[in-house]
Amino acid sequence: MDPIPLPAPTPVPPSELADDRLGGVRLWLKRDDLIDPEITGNKWRKLRHNLAGLSPDRPLLTFGGAYSGHIRAVAAAGRRLGLATVGVIRGEEHLPLNPSLACARAYGMRLVYLDRSTYRAKDTPEVVAALRARHGDFHLIPEGGSNAAGVRGCAELPAELGMDYDLICCPVGTGGTLAGIAAGLPPGPRAVGFAVLKGAAYLSGEVARLQRDAHGEPTRNWTVDHGFHFGGYAKVPPDLAAFAADFEDRHGLEVERVYVAKMLYGVYARARDGHFPPGTRIVAVITGRRTFPQPSSPVAPTVLD
């Protein structure tokens, strides 16, 4: 089975985003949210090589939180390729399902749940063996699609830009997108990732590990900014919600709240405090959408045990 074919490079607007709040910093948006109507942005890039050569008689199994875009993307990819999918969700089941998990189930994904303590050990041989005992043999894709194959997919992004820039910025959840983008940079520009998780000091080590796995050694052209997690994953306090709504009103572009809003807020705040000097040319990667289509014809989850 070949990788999911990428369409033409997603567009970077030919003119920069006009906004006097940037204080002279120049900002372009890399619209990776337009890659595909169902498998958007960095999710498509991470899955591109992870889906190469898979056996159709084994399901895809992956991990994620209740609001995981990765879970939804794997479900959509499985439906498109005719593969059964299993989503292992952190925490207890809550009904009715939120829109993200409802979408994944409508694509045919079977949802199973792990308590938070077990979920923290999800990568250990013991937990994986227990999942195999329950679901049979499967293709395992890690949380967020962040592995060497996912990094290689994200490393293809910088070559699409076709412009001069100083920084490229992206949100950071599991580290794979930042690891790939930084690995694919030409000499000169740097990458800045804005962490969306609270207490995620481990992310720098994870980005370096992912780069070693994919390319043999880490690069030195990236940093992780931990100042804009807003209390933790999926936390959207009023000041972040107000910023995102104002950005939408000013620029006519919907802003995904869990990842993209935190990155954009961070870019504006760092421009305002002088961390990004006037004249700095920044490309911000829009990795996902706020809204996503529900399947027009839901598929019943495959019974695997």
C-alpha atoms as a PDB file:
ATOM      1  CA  MET A   1       0.000   0.000   0.000  1.00  0.00           C
ATOM      2  CA  ASP A   2       1.487   3.338  -1.029  1.00  0.00           C
ATOM      3  CA  PRO A   3       1.586   6.386   1.263  1.00  0.00           C
ATOM      4  CA  ILE A   4      -1.470   8.632   1.142  1.00  0.00           C
ATOM      5  CA  PRO A   5      -0.705  10.841  -1.874  1.00  0.00           C
ATOM      6  CA  LEU A   6      -0.053  14.436  -0.925  1.00  0.00           C
ATOM      7  CA  PRO A   7      -1.786  17.086  -3.009  1.00  0.00           C
ATOM      8  CA  ALA A   8       0.012  20.137  -4.332  1.00  0.00           C
ATOM      9  CA  PRO A   9       1.797  22.136  -1.594  1.00  0.00           C
ATOM     10  CA  THR A  10      -0.611  24.012   0.603  1.00  0.00           C
ATOM     11  CA  PRO A  11      -0.677  27.758   0.031  1.00  0.00           C
ATOM     12  CA  VAL A  12       1.226  30.408   1.913  1.00  0.00           C
ATOM     13  CA  PRO A  13      -0.599  33.671   1.186  1.00  0.00           C
ATOM     14  CA  PRO A  14       1.464  35.799  -1.209  1.00  0.00           C
ATOM     15  CA  SER A  15       0.998  38.842   1.006  1.00  0.00           C
ATOM     16  CA  GLU A  16       1.771  38.935   4.689  1.00  0.00           C
ATOM     17  CA  LEU A  17      -0.876  39.174   7.367  1.00  0.00           C
ATOM     18  CA  ALA A  18      -1.555  42.851   8.005  1.00  0.00           C
ATOM     19  CA  ASP A  19      -1.925  43.491  11.731  1.00  0.00           C
ATOM     20  CA  ASP A  20      -0.529  46.520  13.574  1.00  0.00           C
ATOM     21  CA  ARG A  21      -0.475  44.537  16.836  1.00  0.00           C
ATOM     22  CA  LEU A  22       2.613  42.704  15.560  1.00  0.00           C
ATOM     23  CA  GLY A  23       4.779  45.773  16.084  1.00  0.00           C
ATOM     24  CA  GLY A  24       6.718  45.466  12.852  1.00  0.00           C
ATOM     25  CA  VAL A  25       7.078  41.690  12.917  1.00  0.00           C
ATOM     26  CA  ARG A  26       6.102  40.246   9.534  1.00  0.00           C
ATOM     27  CA  LEU A  27       3.832  37.209   9.604  1.00  0.00           C
ATOM     28  CA  TRP A  28       2.751  34.704   6.970  1.00  0.00           C
ATOM     29  CA  LEU A  29       0.391  31.776   7.537  1.00  0.00           C
ATOM     30  CA  LYS A  30       1.194  28.314   6.209  1.00  0.00           C
ATOM     31  CA  ARG A  31      -2.313  26.930   5.652  1.00  0.00           C
ATOM     32  CA  ASP A  32      -1.721  23.273   6.330  1.00  0.00           C
ATOM     33  CA  ASP A  33      -5.324  23.085   7.488  1.00  0.00           C
ATOM     34  CA  LEU A  34      -6.200  23.056   3.772  1.00  0.00           C
ATOM     35  CA  ILE A  35      -4.236  19.899   2.907  1.00  0.00           C
ATOM     36  CA  ASP A  36      -7.291  17.641   3.063  1.00  0.00           C
ATOM     37  CA  PRO A  37     -10.918  18.083   4.181  1.00  0.00           C
ATOM     38  CA  GLU A  38     -10.721  15.182   6.653  1.00  0.00           C
ATOM     39  CA  ILE A  39      -7.027  14.596   7.468  1.00  0.00           C
ATOM     40  CA  THR A  40      -5.670  18.071   8.029  1.00  0.00           C
ATOM     41  CA  GLY A  41      -2.270  19.603   8.444  1.00  0.00           C
ATOM     42  CA  ASN A  42       0.381  17.926  10.512  1.00  0.00           C
ATOM     43  CA  LYS A  43      -1.852  14.864  10.958  1.00  0.00           C
ATOM     44  CA  TRP A  44      -1.657  14.179   7.218  1.00  0.00           C
ATOM     45  CA  ARG A  45       2.092  14.731   7.193  1.00  0.00           C
ATOM     46  CA  LYS A  46       2.670  12.370  10.118  1.00  0.00           C
ATOM     47  CA  LEU A  47       0.459   9.638   8.689  1.00  0.00           C
ATOM     48  CA  ARG A  48       1.833   9.871   5.160  1.00  0.00           C
ATOM     49  CA  HIS A  49       4.784   7.519   5.747  1.00  0.00           C
ATOM     50  CA  ASN A  50       3.234   5.662   8.697  1.00  0.00           C
ATOM     51  CA  LEU A  51       0.576   4.267   6.350  1.00  0.00           C
ATOM     52  CA  ALA A  52       2.999   3.028   3.711  1.00  0.00           C
ATOM     53  CA  GLY A  53       2.978  -0.717   3.057  1.00  0.00           C
ATOM     54  CA  LEU A  54       0.457  -1.696   5.723  1.00  0.00           C
ATOM     55  CA  SER A  55      -1.296  -5.047   5.570  1.00  0.00           C
ATOM     56  CA  PRO A  56      -5.062  -4.539   5.093  1.00  0.00           C
ATOM     57  CA  ASP A  57      -5.876  -7.554   7.286  1.00  0.00           C
ATOM     58  CA  ARG A  58      -4.511  -5.897  10.437  1.00  0.00           C
ATOM     59  CA  PRO A  59      -6.196  -2.930  12.124  1.00  0.00           C
ATOM     60  CA  LEU A  60      -4.544   0.375  12.957  1.00  0.00           C
ATOM     61  CA  LEU A  61      -4.324   1.039  16.687  1.00  0.00           C
ATOM     62  CA  THR A  62      -3.336   4.382  18.119  1.00  0.00           C
ATOM     63  CA  PHE A  63      -3.629   6.521  21.237  1.00  0.00           C
ATOM     64  CA  GLY A  64      -5.017   9.940  22.103  1.00  0.00           C
ATOM     65  CA  GLY A  65      -6.983  12.137  24.453  1.00  0.00           C
ATOM     66  CA  ALA A  66     -10.681  12.806  24.233  1.00  0.00           C
ATOM     67  CA  TYR A  67     -10.135  15.829  21.952  1.00  0.00           C
ATOM     68  CA  SER A  68      -7.352  14.323  19.867  1.00  0.00           C
ATOM     69  CA  GLY A  69      -7.220  15.411  16.243  1.00  0.00           C
ATOM     70  CA  HIS A  70      -4.844  12.499  15.648  1.00  0.00           C
ATOM     71  CA  ILE A  71      -7.519   9.994  16.700  1.00  0.00           C
ATOM     72  CA  ARG A  72      -9.976  11.540  14.257  1.00  0.00           C
ATOM     73  CA  ALA A  73      -7.376  11.612  11.459  1.00  0.00           C
ATOM     74  CA  VAL A  74      -6.454   7.938  11.891  1.00  0.00           C
ATOM     75  CA  ALA A  75     -10.145   7.037  11.816  1.00  0.00           C
ATOM     76  CA  ALA A  76     -10.616   9.006   8.593  1.00  0.00           C
ATOM     77  CA  ALA A  77      -7.518   7.450   7.015  1.00  0.00           C
ATOM     78  CA  GLY A  78      -8.698   3.971   7.977  1.00  0.00           C
ATOM     79  CA  ARG A  79     -12.058   4.551   6.373  1.00  0.00           C
ATOM     80  CA  ARG A  80     -10.419   5.863   3.206  1.00  0.00           C
ATOM     81  CA  LEU A  81      -8.004   2.934   2.941  1.00  0.00           C
ATOM     82  CA  GLY A  82     -10.396   0.221   4.057  1.00  0.00           C
ATOM     83  CA  LEU A  83      -8.541  -0.488   7.314  1.00  0.00           C
ATOM     84  CA  ALA A  84     -10.165  -1.226  10.660  1.00  0.00           C
ATOM     85  CA  THR A  85      -9.108   1.242  13.370  1.00  0.00           C
ATOM     86  CA  VAL A  86      -8.942   1.203  17.158  1.00  0.00           C
ATOM     87  CA  GLY A  87      -8.575   4.382  19.192  1.00  0.00           C
ATOM     88  CA  VAL A  88      -7.251   3.946  22.746  1.00  0.00           C
ATOM     89  CA  ILE A  89      -8.529   6.968  24.656  1.00  0.00           C
ATOM     90  CA  ARG A  90      -7.037   8.400  27.847  1.00  0.00           C
ATOM     91  CA  GLY A  91      -9.488   8.346  30.757  1.00  0.00           C
ATOM     92  CA  GLU A  92     -13.049   7.159  31.190  1.00  0.00           C
ATOM     93  CA  GLU A  93     -15.808   7.119  28.607  1.00  0.00           C
ATOM     94  CA  HIS A  94     -18.179  10.091  28.765  1.00  0.00           C
ATOM     95  CA  LEU A  95     -21.502  10.017  26.957  1.00  0.00           C
ATOM     96  CA  PRO A  96     -22.638  11.595  24.795  1.00  0.00           C
ATOM     97  CA  LEU A  97     -19.342  11.604  22.930  1.00  0.00           C
ATOM     98  CA  ASN A  98     -17.759  14.986  22.198  1.00  0.00           C
ATOM     99  CA  PRO A  99     -17.782  16.004  18.500  1.00  0.00           C
ATOM    100  CA  SER A 100     -14.210  14.785  17.902  1.00  0.00           C
ATOM    101  CA  LEU A 101     -14.788  11.269  19.244  1.00  0.00           C
ATOM    102  CA  ALA A 102     -18.243  11.113  17.661  1.00  0.00           C
ATOM    103  CA  CYS A 103     -16.605  11.868  14.326  1.00  0.00           C
ATOM    104  CA  ALA A 104     -13.990   9.143  14.855  1.00  0.00           C
ATOM    105  CA  ARG A 105     -16.688   6.604  15.687  1.00  0.00           C
ATOM    106  CA  ALA A 106     -18.702   7.665  12.635  1.00  0.00           C
ATOM    107  CA  TYR A 107     -15.629   6.910  10.504  1.00  0.00           C
ATOM    108  CA  GLY A 108     -15.760   3.365  11.866  1.00  0.00           C
ATOM    109  CA  MET A 109     -13.184   3.549  14.656  1.00  0.00           C
ATOM    110  CA  ARG A 110     -13.651   1.358  17.686  1.00  0.00           C
ATOM    111  CA  LEU A 111     -13.067   3.413  20.845  1.00  0.00           C
ATOM    112  CA  VAL A 112     -11.608   1.788  23.946  1.00  0.00           C
ATOM    113  CA  TYR A 113     -10.509   3.476  27.155  1.00  0.00           C
ATOM    114  CA  LEU A 114      -7.556   3.251  29.539  1.00  0.00           C
ATOM    115  CA  ASP A 115      -7.475   4.773  33.003  1.00  0.00           C
ATOM    116  CA  ARG A 116      -4.954   7.581  33.260  1.00  0.00           C
ATOM    117  CA  SER A 117      -2.397   5.582  35.234  1.00  0.00           C
ATOM    118  CA  THR A 118      -2.354   2.767  32.669  1.00  0.00           C
ATOM    119  CA  TYR A 119      -2.377   5.273  29.833  1.00  0.00           C
ATOM    120  CA  ARG A 120       0.846   6.833  31.123  1.00  0.00           C
ATOM    121  CA  ALA A 121       2.438   3.401  30.656  1.00  0.00           C
ATOM    122  CA  LYS A 122       0.902   2.892  27.190  1.00  0.00           C
ATOM    123  CA  ASP A 123       4.282   2.480  25.478  1.00  0.00           C
ATOM    124  CA  THR A 124       5.495  -0.285  27.794  1.00  0.00           C
ATOM    125  CA  PRO A 125       5.644  -3.877  26.518  1.00  0.00           C
ATOM    126  CA  GLU A 126       3.163  -4.946  29.211  1.00  0.00           C
ATOM    127  CA  VAL A 127       0.400  -2.554  28.136  1.00  0.00           C
ATOM    128  CA  VAL A 128       0.995  -3.189  24.423  1.00  0.00           C
ATOM    129  CA  ALA A 129       0.895  -6.952  25.041  1.00  0.00           C
ATOM    130  CA  ALA A 130      -2.408  -6.593  26.907  1.00  0.00           C
ATOM    131  CA  LEU A 131      -3.851  -4.635  23.972  1.00  0.00           C
ATOM    132  CA  ARG A 132      -2.671  -7.306  21.523  1.00  0.00           C
ATOM    133  CA  ALA A 133      -4.257  -9.995  23.669  1.00  0.00           C
ATOM    134  CA  ARG A 134      -7.546  -8.123  23.472  1.00  0.00           C
ATOM    135  CA  HIS A 135      -7.489  -6.882  19.869  1.00  0.00           C
ATOM    136  CA  GLY A 136      -5.157  -9.297  18.088  1.00  0.00           C
ATOM    137  CA  ASP A 137      -2.190  -8.219  16.003  1.00  0.00           C
ATOM    138  CA  PHE A 138      -2.304  -4.593  14.842  1.00  0.00           C
ATOM    139  CA  HIS A 139      -0.276  -1.836  13.260  1.00  0.00           C
ATOM    140  CA  LEU A 140       0.721   0.468  16.114  1.00  0.00           C
ATOM    141  CA  ILE A 141       0.911   4.211  15.459  1.00  0.00           C
ATOM    142  CA  PRO A 142       2.073   6.193  18.526  1.00  0.00           C
ATOM    143  CA  GLU A 143       0.167   9.046  20.108  1.00  0.00           C
ATOM    144  CA  GLY A 144       0.128  12.037  17.797  1.00  0.00           C
ATOM    145  CA  GLY A 145       1.754  10.010  15.017  1.00  0.00           C
ATOM    146  CA  SER A 146       5.099  11.125  16.435  1.00  0.00           C
ATOM    147  CA  ASN A 147       7.746   8.628  15.405  1.00  0.00           C
ATOM    148  CA  ALA A 148      10.549   8.546  12.827  1.00  0.00           C
ATOM    149  CA  ALA A 149       8.074   8.152   9.956  1.00  0.00           C
ATOM    150  CA  GLY A 150       5.986  11.079  11.200  1.00  0.00           C
ATOM    151  CA  VAL A 151       9.084  13.262  11.561  1.00  0.00           C
ATOM    152  CA  ARG A 152      10.112  12.503   7.979  1.00  0.00           C
ATOM    153  CA  GLY A 153       6.680  13.589   6.767  1.00  0.00           C
ATOM    154  CA  CYS A 154       6.833  16.899   8.654  1.00  0.00           C
ATOM    155  CA  ALA A 155      10.392  17.514   7.398  1.00  0.00           C
ATOM    156  CA  GLU A 156       8.930  17.929   3.898  1.00  0.00           C
ATOM    157  CA  LEU A 157       7.128  21.146   4.886  1.00  0.00           C
ATOM    158  CA  PRO A 158       9.918  23.785   4.701  1.00  0.00           C
ATOM    159  CA  ALA A 159      10.717  22.963   1.067  1.00  0.00           C
ATOM    160  CA  GLU A 160       7.184  24.056   0.127  1.00  0.00           C
ATOM    161  CA  LEU A 161       7.513  27.631   1.375  1.00  0.00           C
ATOM    162  CA  GLY A 162       9.331  29.268  -1.537  1.00  0.00           C
ATOM    163  CA  MET A 163      10.136  32.441   0.391  1.00  0.00           C
ATOM    164  CA  ASP A 164      12.750  33.949   2.700  1.00  0.00           C
ATOM    165  CA  TYR A 165      11.978  33.861   6.412  1.00  0.00           C
ATOM    166  CA  ASP A 166      13.718  33.949   9.791  1.00  0.00           C
ATOM    167  CA  LEU A 167      11.477  31.776  11.949  1.00  0.00           C
ATOM    168  CA  ILE A 168       8.881  29.089  11.449  1.00  0.00           C
ATOM    169  CA  CYS A 169       6.465  28.518  14.324  1.00  0.00           C
ATOM    170  CA  CYS A 170       4.153  25.623  15.139  1.00  0.00           C
ATOM    171  CA  PRO A 171       2.171  24.275  18.097  1.00  0.00           C
ATOM    172  CA  VAL A 172       3.732  21.397  20.054  1.00  0.00           C
ATOM    173  CA  GLY A 173       1.847  18.498  21.613  1.00  0.00           C
ATOM    174  CA  THR A 174       3.960  15.370  21.215  1.00  0.00           C
ATOM    175  CA  GLY A 175       6.960  17.005  19.504  1.00  0.00           C
ATOM    176  CA  GLY A 176       6.888  15.288  16.119  1.00  0.00           C
ATOM    177  CA  THR A 177       5.870  18.301  14.058  1.00  0.00           C
ATOM    178  CA  LEU A 178       8.580  20.542  15.516  1.00  0.00           C
ATOM    179  CA  ALA A 179      11.175  17.772  15.191  1.00  0.00           C
ATOM    180  CA  GLY A 180      10.375  17.326  11.514  1.00  0.00           C
ATOM    181  CA  ILE A 181      10.091  20.978  10.568  1.00  0.00           C
ATOM    182  CA  ALA A 182      13.414  21.794  12.240  1.00  0.00           C
ATOM    183  CA  ALA A 183      15.090  18.837  10.532  1.00  0.00           C
ATOM    184  CA  GLY A 184      13.859  20.073   7.151  1.00  0.00           C
ATOM    185  CA  LEU A 185      14.965  23.692   7.525  1.00  0.00           C
ATOM    186  CA  PRO A 186      17.583  25.173   5.215  1.00  0.00           C
ATOM    187  CA  PRO A 187      20.605  26.885   6.820  1.00  0.00           C
ATOM    188  CA  GLY A 188      19.686  30.120   8.585  1.00  0.00           C
ATOM    189  CA  PRO A 189      16.034  29.977   9.728  1.00  0.00           C
ATOM    190  CA  ARG A 190      15.064  28.574  13.124  1.00  0.00           C
ATOM    191  CA  ALA A 191      11.950  26.828  14.402  1.00  0.00           C
ATOM    192  CA  VAL A 192       9.982  27.754  17.529  1.00  0.00           C
ATOM    193  CA  GLY A 193       7.392  25.386  18.950  1.00  0.00           C
ATOM    194  CA  PHE A 194       4.720  26.603  21.369  1.00  0.00           C
ATOM    195  CA  ALA A 195       3.882  23.903  23.915  1.00  0.00           C
ATOM    196  CA  VAL A 196       0.152  23.353  24.506  1.00  0.00           C
ATOM    197  CA  LEU A 197       0.743  21.180  27.585  1.00  0.00           C
ATOM    198  CA  LYS A 198       1.409  22.312  31.131  1.00  0.00           C
ATOM    199  CA  GLY A 199       4.536  20.982  32.823  1.00  0.00           C
ATOM    200  CA  ALA A 200       5.994  19.658  29.572  1.00  0.00           C
ATOM    201  CA  ALA A 201       9.688  20.337  30.179  1.00  0.00           C
ATOM    202  CA  TYR A 202      10.345  16.840  28.818  1.00  0.00           C
ATOM    203  CA  LEU A 203       9.375  17.985  25.306  1.00  0.00           C
ATOM    204  CA  SER A 204      12.857  19.206  24.415  1.00  0.00           C
ATOM    205  CA  GLY A 205      14.252  15.768  25.121  1.00  0.00           C
ATOM    206  CA  GLU A 206      11.444  14.190  23.125  1.00  0.00           C
ATOM    207  CA  VAL A 207      12.050  16.421  20.092  1.00  0.00           C
ATOM    208  CA  ALA A 208      15.746  15.538  20.189  1.00  0.00           C
ATOM    209  CA  ARG A 209      14.937  11.811  20.501  1.00  0.00           C
ATOM    210  CA  LEU A 210      12.569  11.937  17.534  1.00  0.00           C
ATOM    211  CA  GLN A 211      15.194  13.674  15.416  1.00  0.00           C
ATOM    212  CA  ARG A 212      17.771  11.041  16.346  1.00  0.00           C
ATOM    213  CA  ASP A 213      15.350   8.259  15.431  1.00  0.00           C
ATOM    214  CA  ALA A 214      14.519   9.837  12.068  1.00  0.00           C
ATOM    215  CA  HIS A 215      17.800  11.440  11.022  1.00  0.00           C
ATOM    216  CA  GLY A 216      20.549  10.081  13.254  1.00  0.00           C
ATOM    217  CA  GLU A 217      21.178  13.197  15.357  1.00  0.00           C
ATOM    218  CA  PRO A 218      19.269  16.231  16.652  1.00  0.00           C
ATOM    219  CA  THR A 219      19.585  19.645  15.080  1.00  0.00           C
ATOM    220  CA  ARG A 220      20.300  22.826  17.045  1.00  0.00           C
ATOM    221  CA  ASN A 221      17.929  25.132  15.176  1.00  0.00           C
ATOM    222  CA  TRP A 222      14.819  24.933  17.370  1.00  0.00           C
ATOM    223  CA  THR A 223      13.427  25.857  20.777  1.00  0.00           C
ATOM    224  CA  VAL A 224      10.246  25.098  22.719  1.00  0.00           C
ATOM    225  CA  ASP A 225       8.367  28.026  24.289  1.00  0.00           C
ATOM    226  CA  HIS A 226       6.445  26.912  27.397  1.00  0.00           C
ATOM    227  CA  GLY A 227       4.814  30.250  28.180  1.00  0.00           C
ATOM    228  CA  PHE A 228       1.465  29.826  26.457  1.00  0.00           C
ATOM    229  CA  HIS A 229      -0.130  26.544  27.539  1.00  0.00           C
ATOM    230  CA  PHE A 230      -2.946  28.488  29.284  1.00  0.00           C
ATOM    231  CA  GLY A 231      -3.288  25.942  32.063  1.00  0.00           C
ATOM    232  CA  GLY A 232      -2.889  22.729  30.109  1.00  0.00           C
ATOM    233  CA  TYR A 233      -4.114  20.665  27.216  1.00  0.00           C
ATOM    234  CA  ALA A 234      -7.529  21.704  25.829  1.00  0.00           C
ATOM    235  CA  LYS A 235      -7.756  24.552  28.365  1.00  0.00           C
ATOM    236  CA  VAL A 236      -9.230  27.637  26.701  1.00  0.00           C
ATOM    237  CA  PRO A 237      -9.593  30.412  29.289  1.00  0.00           C
ATOM    238  CA  PRO A 238     -11.462  33.622  28.457  1.00  0.00           C
ATOM    239  CA  ASP A 239      -8.399  35.629  27.387  1.00  0.00           C
ATOM    240  CA  LEU A 240      -7.350  32.961  24.867  1.00  0.00           C
ATOM    241  CA  ALA A 241     -10.922  32.593  23.576  1.00  0.00           C
ATOM    242  CA  ALA A 242     -11.191  36.383  23.177  1.00  0.00           C
ATOM    243  CA  PHE A 243      -7.907  36.553  21.259  1.00  0.00           C
ATOM    244  CA  ALA A 244      -8.997  33.758  18.910  1.00  0.00           C
ATOM    245  CA  ALA A 245     -12.402  35.327  18.291  1.00  0.00           C
ATOM    246  CA  ASP A 246     -10.808  38.715  17.587  1.00  0.00           C
ATOM    247  CA  PHE A 247      -8.321  37.111  15.167  1.00  0.00           C
ATOM    248  CA  GLU A 248     -11.218  35.467  13.344  1.00  0.00           C
ATOM    249  CA  ASP A 249     -13.067  38.790  13.090  1.00  0.00           C
ATOM    250  CA  ARG A 250     -10.011  40.673  11.831  1.00  0.00           C
ATOM    251  CA  HIS A 251      -8.742  38.139   9.326  1.00  0.00           C
ATOM    252  CA  GLY A 252     -11.691  35.933   8.395  1.00  0.00           C
ATOM    253  CA  LEU A 253      -9.866  32.744   9.357  1.00  0.00           C
ATOM    254  CA  GLU A 254     -11.236  30.283  11.890  1.00  0.00           C
ATOM    255  CA  VAL A 255      -8.805  29.491  14.689  1.00  0.00           C
ATOM    256  CA  GLU A 256      -8.559  26.018  16.175  1.00  0.00           C
ATOM    257  CA  ARG A 257      -8.470  26.524  19.945  1.00  0.00           C
ATOM    258  CA  VAL A 258      -6.488  23.606  21.413  1.00  0.00           C
ATOM    259  CA  TYR A 259      -3.286  24.074  19.383  1.00  0.00           C
ATOM    260  CA  VAL A 260      -3.348  26.904  16.845  1.00  0.00           C
ATOM    261  CA  ALA A 261      -4.777  29.632  19.085  1.00  0.00           C
ATOM    262  CA  LYS A 262      -2.020  29.116  21.665  1.00  0.00           C
ATOM    263  CA  MET A 263       0.686  29.348  19.016  1.00  0.00           C
ATOM    264  CA  LEU A 264      -0.775  32.511  17.468  1.00  0.00           C
ATOM    265  CA  TYR A 265      -1.232  34.116  20.877  1.00  0.00           C
ATOM    266  CA  GLY A 266       2.402  33.297  21.641  1.00  0.00           C
ATOM    267  CA  VAL A 267       3.639  34.816  18.382  1.00  0.00           C
ATOM    268  CA  TYR A 268       1.741  38.056  19.048  1.00  0.00           C
ATOM    269  CA  ALA A 269       2.872  38.207  22.689  1.00  0.00           C
ATOM    270  CA  ARG A 270       6.529  37.589  21.810  1.00  0.00           C
ATOM    271  CA  ALA A 271       6.349  40.251  19.107  1.00  0.00           C
ATOM    272  CA  ARG A 272       4.849  42.674  21.603  1.00  0.00           C
ATOM    273  CA  ASP A 273       7.472  42.049  24.297  1.00  0.00           C
ATOM    274  CA  GLY A 274      10.378  42.435  21.832  1.00  0.00           C
ATOM    275  CA  HIS A 275      11.441  38.791  21.880  1.00  0.00           C
ATOM    276  CA  PHE A 276      10.820  38.834  18.126  1.00  0.00           C
ATOM    277  CA  PRO A 277      12.362  42.144  16.969  1.00  0.00           C
ATOM    278  CA  PRO A 278      10.643  44.337  14.375  1.00  0.00           C
ATOM    279  CA  GLY A 279      11.375  43.125  10.879  1.00  0.00           C
ATOM    280  CA  THR A 280      11.532  39.448  11.888  1.00  0.00           C
ATOM    281  CA  ARG A 281       9.911  37.332   9.158  1.00  0.00           C
ATOM    282  CA  ILE A 282       7.792  34.557  10.666  1.00  0.00           C
ATOM    283  CA  VAL A 283       5.865  31.726   9.064  1.00  0.00           C
ATOM    284  CA  ALA A 284       3.194  30.298  11.381  1.00  0.00           C
ATOM    285  CA  VAL A 285       1.976  26.807  10.510  1.00  0.00           C
ATOM    286  CA  ILE A 286      -1.808  26.447  10.828  1.00  0.00           C
ATOM    287  CA  THR A 287      -1.903  22.772  11.697  1.00  0.00           C
ATOM    288  CA  GLY A 288      -5.636  22.151  12.007  1.00  0.00           C
ATOM    289  CA  ARG A 289      -9.186  23.425  11.923  1.00  0.00           C
ATOM    290  CA  ARG A 290     -11.678  24.458  14.534  1.00  0.00           C
ATOM    291  CA  THR A 291     -14.497  22.623  12.779  1.00  0.00           C
ATOM    292  CA  PHE A 292     -14.366  19.433  10.783  1.00  0.00           C
ATOM    293  CA  PRO A 293     -16.860  17.557   8.610  1.00  0.00           C
ATOM    294  CA  GLN A 294     -18.906  14.704  10.013  1.00  0.00           C
ATOM    295  CA  PRO A 295     -19.062  11.664   7.725  1.00  0.00           C
ATOM    296  CA  SER A 296     -22.198  11.710   5.581  1.00  0.00           C
ATOM    297  CA  SER A 297     -22.578   7.919   5.893  1.00  0.00           C
ATOM    298  CA  PRO A 298     -21.307   6.623   9.254  1.00  0.00           C
ATOM    299  CA  VAL A 299     -19.606   3.220   9.369  1.00  0.00           C
ATOM    300  CA  ALA A 300     -20.213   0.739  12.164  1.00  0.00           C
ATOM    301  CA  PRO A 301     -17.016   0.006  14.135  1.00  0.00           C
ATOM    302  CA  THR A 302     -15.442  -3.342  13.306  1.00  0.00           C
ATOM    303  CA  VAL A 303     -15.771  -5.955  16.049  1.00  0.00           C
ATOM    304  CA  LEU A 304     -12.238  -7.177  16.734  1.00  0.00           C
ATOM    305  CA  ASP A 305     -12.602  -9.426  19.765  1.00  0.00           C
END
